[in-house]
Amino acid sequence: MLDRATRGIPADFQDPPGATLISLYVIVHAVEGLAPGAYVYHRRERGLELLREGNFRNQAGYLGLEQELPAEASVNVYCLADLKPILARFGNRGYRAAQLEGGITGGKLYLAAYAERLGATGLTFYDDAVTDFFSPHAAGKGIMFLTAVGHPARRRAG
């Protein structure tokens, strides 16, 4: 899903083609073959790097404005952008471009999740808390979009 969601979009701010304004950070709760934990996705390698192993359901719930959905999802995907160089390059338009790319990436995740009958939803979040959670790797970045993917844990358990 992450590979397909990050294949780029035809946009003038993605120059050269295939460039991206966002980085994907992931909290895995229940994904077959992956240890629960916090990850960063590397597009070129099409792989995840484990930042911290552990059960972060409570933290995910808090990060998603203290809602149940991100705590109950199988995985949460956070689109973060390093805004300082983006704003230097594009001016105020840079923030909108990063938001657009994050939203389209989230939309692609929705489509992939629903195609696999997993379900997905977009959520609001505590901006600084998300950056802090994924730091030091995400230091200086801002969150653009959050997608929770997968059946709720309470539904899987029963």
Foldseek 3Di string as FASTA:
>chain_A
DLQVLQQADPDPVQPPGSRAQWWKKKAAAADPPDAGAIWTADNVVRDTDGPDGDQCLCVLCVFLVNHNQRSFFRMKIWIKGLVPVQCVVPNPVSLVVSLVSQVSSLVVVQVVQVVVPFHKDKTHGDFVSVQVVRPPVSPNITTRTMMGTGDGNVVVVD
